[in-house]
Amino acid sequence: MTGPGNDFWLIDDQVVRFNVFSGDGEALEPDHTEDPQAIKVCVEAFRSVWDLATAHADYRI
């Protein structure tokens, strides 16, 4: 599976907000979509890594 190319926020499996940066790391205006295909890719990417995550209570700096 190919995942999204940018960091994203998935909101209620209905909207995706992509964090966008310039080539030198400057944060640009975020982009968002309600496109079902883009949402499907992000939902699948999120689910594919969920089981690998560290539980909040177990996280240590």
C-alpha atoms as a PDB file:
ATOM      1  CA  MET A   1       0.000   0.000   0.000  1.00  0.00           C
ATOM      2  CA  THR A   2       1.201   3.485  -0.791  1.00  0.00           C
ATOM      3  CA  GLY A   3       0.370   5.953   1.945  1.00  0.00           C
ATOM      4  CA  PRO A   4      -0.183   9.684   1.885  1.00  0.00           C
ATOM      5  CA  GLY A   5       2.882  11.775   1.119  1.00  0.00           C
ATOM      6  CA  ASN A   6       2.249  14.303   3.881  1.00  0.00           C
ATOM      7  CA  ASP A   7       1.425  14.285   7.558  1.00  0.00           C
ATOM      8  CA  PHE A   8      -2.348  14.473   7.964  1.00  0.00           C
ATOM      9  CA  TRP A   9      -5.240  14.822  10.375  1.00  0.00           C
ATOM     10  CA  LEU A  10      -8.131  12.438   9.778  1.00  0.00           C
ATOM     11  CA  ILE A  11     -11.360  13.915  11.101  1.00  0.00           C
ATOM     12  CA  ASP A  12     -14.268  11.510  11.701  1.00  0.00           C
ATOM     13  CA  ASP A  13     -13.266   9.501   8.589  1.00  0.00           C
ATOM     14  CA  GLN A  14     -14.893  12.311   6.565  1.00  0.00           C
ATOM     15  CA  VAL A  15     -12.252  15.036   6.127  1.00  0.00           C
ATOM     16  CA  VAL A  16      -8.489  14.897   5.712  1.00  0.00           C
ATOM     17  CA  ARG A  17      -6.345  17.912   6.510  1.00  0.00           C
ATOM     18  CA  PHE A  18      -2.815  17.693   5.114  1.00  0.00           C
ATOM     19  CA  ASN A  19       0.071  19.547   6.728  1.00  0.00           C
ATOM     20  CA  VAL A  20       2.066  21.102   3.894  1.00  0.00           C
ATOM     21  CA  PHE A  21       5.642  22.401   4.073  1.00  0.00           C
ATOM     22  CA  SER A  22       7.889  24.222   1.636  1.00  0.00           C
ATOM     23  CA  GLY A  23      11.200  22.720   0.543  1.00  0.00           C
ATOM     24  CA  ASP A  24      13.000  24.599   3.340  1.00  0.00           C
ATOM     25  CA  GLY A  25      10.617  23.387   6.055  1.00  0.00           C
ATOM     26  CA  GLU A  26       8.340  26.425   6.306  1.00  0.00           C
ATOM     27  CA  ALA A  27       4.739  25.522   7.168  1.00  0.00           C
ATOM     28  CA  LEU A  28       2.367  26.502   4.375  1.00  0.00           C
ATOM     29  CA  GLU A  29      -1.401  26.852   4.399  1.00  0.00           C
ATOM     30  CA  PRO A  30      -2.863  23.432   5.239  1.00  0.00           C
ATOM     31  CA  ASP A  31      -4.889  21.718   2.557  1.00  0.00           C
ATOM     32  CA  HIS A  32      -8.027  19.679   3.177  1.00  0.00           C
ATOM     33  CA  THR A  33     -10.263  17.365   1.201  1.00  0.00           C
ATOM     34  CA  GLU A  34     -13.496  15.441   1.479  1.00  0.00           C
ATOM     35  CA  ASP A  35     -12.606  13.286  -1.539  1.00  0.00           C
ATOM     36  CA  PRO A  36     -13.620   9.688  -0.726  1.00  0.00           C
ATOM     37  CA  GLN A  37     -10.530   8.174  -2.406  1.00  0.00           C
ATOM     38  CA  ALA A  38      -8.105  10.394  -0.470  1.00  0.00           C
ATOM     39  CA  ILE A  39      -9.957   9.633   2.758  1.00  0.00           C
ATOM     40  CA  LYS A  40      -9.803   5.893   2.027  1.00  0.00           C
ATOM     41  CA  VAL A  41      -6.003   6.051   1.563  1.00  0.00           C
ATOM     42  CA  CYS A  42      -5.583   7.933   4.848  1.00  0.00           C
ATOM     43  CA  VAL A  43      -7.941   5.632   6.772  1.00  0.00           C
ATOM     44  CA  GLU A  44      -6.030   2.588   5.505  1.00  0.00           C
ATOM     45  CA  ALA A  45      -2.670   4.180   6.363  1.00  0.00           C
ATOM     46  CA  PHE A  46      -3.864   5.026   9.874  1.00  0.00           C
ATOM     47  CA  ARG A  47      -5.238   1.534  10.479  1.00  0.00           C
ATOM     48  CA  SER A  48      -2.092  -0.142   9.141  1.00  0.00           C
ATOM     49  CA  VAL A  49       0.095   1.464  11.833  1.00  0.00           C
ATOM     50  CA  TRP A  50      -2.352   1.632  14.761  1.00  0.00           C
ATOM     51  CA  ASP A  51      -1.265  -1.693  16.264  1.00  0.00           C
ATOM     52  CA  LEU A  52       2.377  -0.511  16.181  1.00  0.00           C
ATOM     53  CA  ALA A  53       1.656   2.584  18.268  1.00  0.00           C
ATOM     54  CA  THR A  54       2.743   3.026  21.883  1.00  0.00           C
ATOM     55  CA  ALA A  55      -0.174   3.363  24.280  1.00  0.00           C
ATOM     56  CA  HIS A  56      -0.326   6.838  25.824  1.00  0.00           C
ATOM     57  CA  ALA A  57       0.038   5.443  29.349  1.00  0.00           C
ATOM     58  CA  ASP A  58       3.208   3.575  28.283  1.00  0.00           C
ATOM     59  CA  TYR A  59       4.895   6.484  26.501  1.00  0.00           C
ATOM     60  CA  ARG A  60       8.121   7.725  28.079  1.00  0.00           C
ATOM     61  CA  ILE A  61      10.369  10.535  26.906  1.00  0.00           C
END
